[in-house]
Amino acid sequence: MKAKKPNEIREEVRKQMAAKYKGDVEHWKGMYQTTMQNFGRKCNECYRLKEENDKLKEQVEAQKEWIERLMEFVNMPDDQRHDAVKKYITERQMSEDFKNLFGPYFKTLNRLFLL
């Protein structure tokens, strides 16, 4: 067995340390890539959930408004409620008549503007 010279020992230790350092760098690069992928997924999920939350808030507000209207309608005296129903039916009939009368013209105009 031949004794190693100090330069050979230094070179061997340097190679071992370089290999260890390279392994550590590769490990941390992999960890960074995994973390960034997870971060991107979580950002997308957060954006999707925020959009969904906003839509649900709008729906809740619309339902609250409808509930308030229904409560006002239910709490009306009978004669006022009867007049309101008649008014609604009349306005709806006028709206339907208007739609039936001018609907074909509006459809034609929409097609012309889409071209």
C-alpha atoms as a PDB file:
ATOM      1  CA  MET A   1       0.000   0.000   0.000  1.00  0.00           C
ATOM      2  CA  LYS A   2       1.333   3.280  -1.120  1.00  0.00           C
ATOM      3  CA  ALA A   3       0.957   6.349   1.081  1.00  0.00           C
ATOM      4  CA  LYS A   4      -0.976   9.199  -0.501  1.00  0.00           C
ATOM      5  CA  LYS A   5       0.650  12.498  -1.014  1.00  0.00           C
ATOM      6  CA  PRO A   6      -0.964  15.641   0.449  1.00  0.00           C
ATOM      7  CA  ASN A   7      -1.872  16.909  -3.056  1.00  0.00           C
ATOM      8  CA  GLU A   8      -3.625  13.613  -3.856  1.00  0.00           C
ATOM      9  CA  ILE A   9      -5.565  13.774  -0.581  1.00  0.00           C
ATOM     10  CA  ARG A  10      -6.557  17.387  -1.304  1.00  0.00           C
ATOM     11  CA  GLU A  11      -7.696  16.468  -4.815  1.00  0.00           C
ATOM     12  CA  GLU A  12      -9.714  13.494  -3.545  1.00  0.00           C
ATOM     13  CA  VAL A  13     -11.429  15.627  -0.858  1.00  0.00           C
ATOM     14  CA  ARG A  14     -12.060  18.386  -3.432  1.00  0.00           C
ATOM     15  CA  LYS A  15     -13.746  15.869  -5.763  1.00  0.00           C
ATOM     16  CA  GLN A  16     -15.875  14.517  -2.909  1.00  0.00           C
ATOM     17  CA  MET A  17     -16.904  18.028  -1.874  1.00  0.00           C
ATOM     18  CA  ALA A  18     -17.630  19.013  -5.488  1.00  0.00           C
ATOM     19  CA  ALA A  19     -19.821  15.927  -5.921  1.00  0.00           C
ATOM     20  CA  LYS A  20     -21.633  16.692  -2.633  1.00  0.00           C
ATOM     21  CA  TYR A  21     -22.105  20.345  -3.614  1.00  0.00           C
ATOM     22  CA  LYS A  22     -23.400  19.375  -7.055  1.00  0.00           C
ATOM     23  CA  GLY A  23     -25.870  16.932  -5.465  1.00  0.00           C
ATOM     24  CA  ASP A  24     -27.041  19.618  -3.024  1.00  0.00           C
ATOM     25  CA  VAL A  25     -27.512  22.144  -5.844  1.00  0.00           C
ATOM     26  CA  GLU A  26     -29.518  19.641  -7.907  1.00  0.00           C
ATOM     27  CA  HIS A  27     -31.653  18.822  -4.867  1.00  0.00           C
ATOM     28  CA  TRP A  28     -32.437  22.501  -4.192  1.00  0.00           C
ATOM     29  CA  LYS A  29     -33.129  23.174  -7.871  1.00  0.00           C
ATOM     30  CA  GLY A  30     -35.656  20.349  -7.845  1.00  0.00           C
ATOM     31  CA  MET A  31     -37.206  21.684  -4.648  1.00  0.00           C
ATOM     32  CA  TYR A  32     -37.436  25.164  -6.197  1.00  0.00           C
ATOM     33  CA  GLN A  33     -39.129  23.841  -9.349  1.00  0.00           C
ATOM     34  CA  THR A  34     -41.607  21.795  -7.317  1.00  0.00           C
ATOM     35  CA  THR A  35     -42.369  24.781  -5.095  1.00  0.00           C
ATOM     36  CA  MET A  36     -42.920  27.076  -8.084  1.00  0.00           C
ATOM     37  CA  GLN A  37     -45.244  24.548  -9.735  1.00  0.00           C
ATOM     38  CA  ASN A  38     -47.247  24.246  -6.518  1.00  0.00           C
ATOM     39  CA  PHE A  39     -47.313  28.031  -6.214  1.00  0.00           C
ATOM     40  CA  GLY A  40     -48.634  28.373  -9.778  1.00  0.00           C
ATOM     41  CA  ARG A  41     -51.354  25.801  -9.136  1.00  0.00           C
ATOM     42  CA  LYS A  42     -52.353  27.516  -5.913  1.00  0.00           C
ATOM     43  CA  CYS A  43     -52.468  30.916  -7.646  1.00  0.00           C
ATOM     44  CA  ASN A  44     -54.745  29.488 -10.343  1.00  0.00           C
ATOM     45  CA  GLU A  45     -56.941  27.856  -7.728  1.00  0.00           C
ATOM     46  CA  CYS A  46     -57.078  31.090  -5.733  1.00  0.00           C
ATOM     47  CA  TYR A  47     -58.110  33.056  -8.839  1.00  0.00           C
ATOM     48  CA  ARG A  48     -60.800  30.476  -9.689  1.00  0.00           C
ATOM     49  CA  LEU A  49     -62.139  30.497  -6.140  1.00  0.00           C
ATOM     50  CA  LYS A  50     -62.193  34.304  -6.081  1.00  0.00           C
ATOM     51  CA  GLU A  51     -64.216  34.348  -9.307  1.00  0.00           C
ATOM     52  CA  GLU A  52     -66.586  31.739  -7.901  1.00  0.00           C
ATOM     53  CA  ASN A  53     -66.873  33.686  -4.648  1.00  0.00           C
ATOM     54  CA  ASP A  54     -67.715  36.895  -6.526  1.00  0.00           C
ATOM     55  CA  LYS A  55     -70.424  35.118  -8.540  1.00  0.00           C
ATOM     56  CA  LEU A  56     -71.897  33.604  -5.392  1.00  0.00           C
ATOM     57  CA  LYS A  57     -71.916  37.008  -3.685  1.00  0.00           C
ATOM     58  CA  GLU A  58     -73.808  38.453  -6.642  1.00  0.00           C
ATOM     59  CA  GLN A  59     -76.321  35.618  -6.451  1.00  0.00           C
ATOM     60  CA  VAL A  60     -76.783  36.158  -2.709  1.00  0.00           C
ATOM     61  CA  GLU A  61     -77.356  39.887  -3.232  1.00  0.00           C
ATOM     62  CA  ALA A  62     -79.885  39.175  -5.995  1.00  0.00           C
ATOM     63  CA  GLN A  63     -81.692  36.682  -3.788  1.00  0.00           C
ATOM     64  CA  LYS A  64     -81.744  39.142  -0.884  1.00  0.00           C
ATOM     65  CA  GLU A  65     -83.271  41.736  -3.177  1.00  0.00           C
ATOM     66  CA  TRP A  66     -85.912  39.245  -4.339  1.00  0.00           C
ATOM     67  CA  ILE A  67     -86.697  38.263  -0.764  1.00  0.00           C
ATOM     68  CA  GLU A  68     -87.128  41.930   0.173  1.00  0.00           C
ATOM     69  CA  ARG A  69     -89.441  42.479  -2.798  1.00  0.00           C
ATOM     70  CA  LEU A  70     -91.462  39.381  -1.975  1.00  0.00           C
ATOM     71  CA  MET A  71     -91.758  40.439   1.664  1.00  0.00           C
ATOM     72  CA  GLU A  72     -92.949  43.888   0.577  1.00  0.00           C
ATOM     73  CA  PHE A  73     -95.463  42.247  -1.753  1.00  0.00           C
ATOM     74  CA  VAL A  74     -96.685  39.800   0.889  1.00  0.00           C
ATOM     75  CA  ASN A  75     -96.979  42.551   3.514  1.00  0.00           C
ATOM     76  CA  MET A  76     -99.065  44.788   1.212  1.00  0.00           C
ATOM     77  CA  PRO A  77    -102.721  45.246   2.008  1.00  0.00           C
ATOM     78  CA  ASP A  78    -104.922  42.999  -0.142  1.00  0.00           C
ATOM     79  CA  ASP A  79    -106.320  45.786  -2.314  1.00  0.00           C
ATOM     80  CA  GLN A  80    -102.863  47.229  -3.024  1.00  0.00           C
ATOM     81  CA  ARG A  81    -101.537  43.761  -3.855  1.00  0.00           C
ATOM     82  CA  HIS A  82    -104.464  43.179  -6.207  1.00  0.00           C
ATOM     83  CA  ASP A  83    -103.728  46.501  -7.989  1.00  0.00           C
ATOM     84  CA  ALA A  84    -100.015  45.641  -8.218  1.00  0.00           C
ATOM     85  CA  VAL A  85    -100.789  42.259  -9.796  1.00  0.00           C
ATOM     86  CA  LYS A  86    -103.121  43.904 -12.332  1.00  0.00           C
ATOM     87  CA  LYS A  87    -100.448  46.500 -13.170  1.00  0.00           C
ATOM     88  CA  TYR A  88     -97.816  43.777 -13.596  1.00  0.00           C
ATOM     89  CA  ILE A  89    -100.064  41.741 -15.897  1.00  0.00           C
ATOM     90  CA  THR A  90    -100.881  44.822 -17.992  1.00  0.00           C
ATOM     91  CA  GLU A  91     -97.226  45.876 -18.305  1.00  0.00           C
ATOM     92  CA  ARG A  92     -96.186  42.349 -19.176  1.00  0.00           C
ATOM     93  CA  GLN A  93     -98.869  42.114 -21.867  1.00  0.00           C
ATOM     94  CA  MET A  94     -97.715  45.463 -23.331  1.00  0.00           C
ATOM     95  CA  SER A  95     -94.140  44.213 -23.296  1.00  0.00           C
ATOM     96  CA  GLU A  96     -95.118  41.002 -25.073  1.00  0.00           C
ATOM     97  CA  ASP A  97     -97.148  42.953 -27.664  1.00  0.00           C
ATOM     98  CA  PHE A  98     -94.186  45.268 -28.282  1.00  0.00           C
ATOM     99  CA  LYS A  99     -91.852  42.300 -28.636  1.00  0.00           C
ATOM    100  CA  ASN A 100     -94.191  40.546 -31.065  1.00  0.00           C
ATOM    101  CA  LEU A 101     -94.706  43.698 -33.111  1.00  0.00           C
ATOM    102  CA  PHE A 102     -91.084  44.875 -33.405  1.00  0.00           C
ATOM    103  CA  GLY A 103     -89.143  41.636 -32.730  1.00  0.00           C
ATOM    104  CA  PRO A 104     -88.631  40.692 -36.404  1.00  0.00           C
ATOM    105  CA  TYR A 105     -87.266  44.176 -37.174  1.00  0.00           C
ATOM    106  CA  PHE A 106     -84.799  44.021 -34.297  1.00  0.00           C
ATOM    107  CA  LYS A 107     -83.617  40.561 -35.381  1.00  0.00           C
ATOM    108  CA  THR A 108     -83.035  41.838 -38.920  1.00  0.00           C
ATOM    109  CA  LEU A 109     -81.140  44.877 -37.655  1.00  0.00           C
ATOM    110  CA  ASN A 110     -79.003  42.696 -35.394  1.00  0.00           C
ATOM    111  CA  ARG A 111     -78.080  40.450 -38.316  1.00  0.00           C
ATOM    112  CA  LEU A 112     -77.168  43.482 -40.435  1.00  0.00           C
ATOM    113  CA  PHE A 113     -74.934  44.892 -37.700  1.00  0.00           C
ATOM    114  CA  LEU A 114     -73.251  41.531 -37.113  1.00  0.00           C
ATOM    115  CA  LEU A 115     -72.082  41.424 -40.730  1.00  0.00           C
END
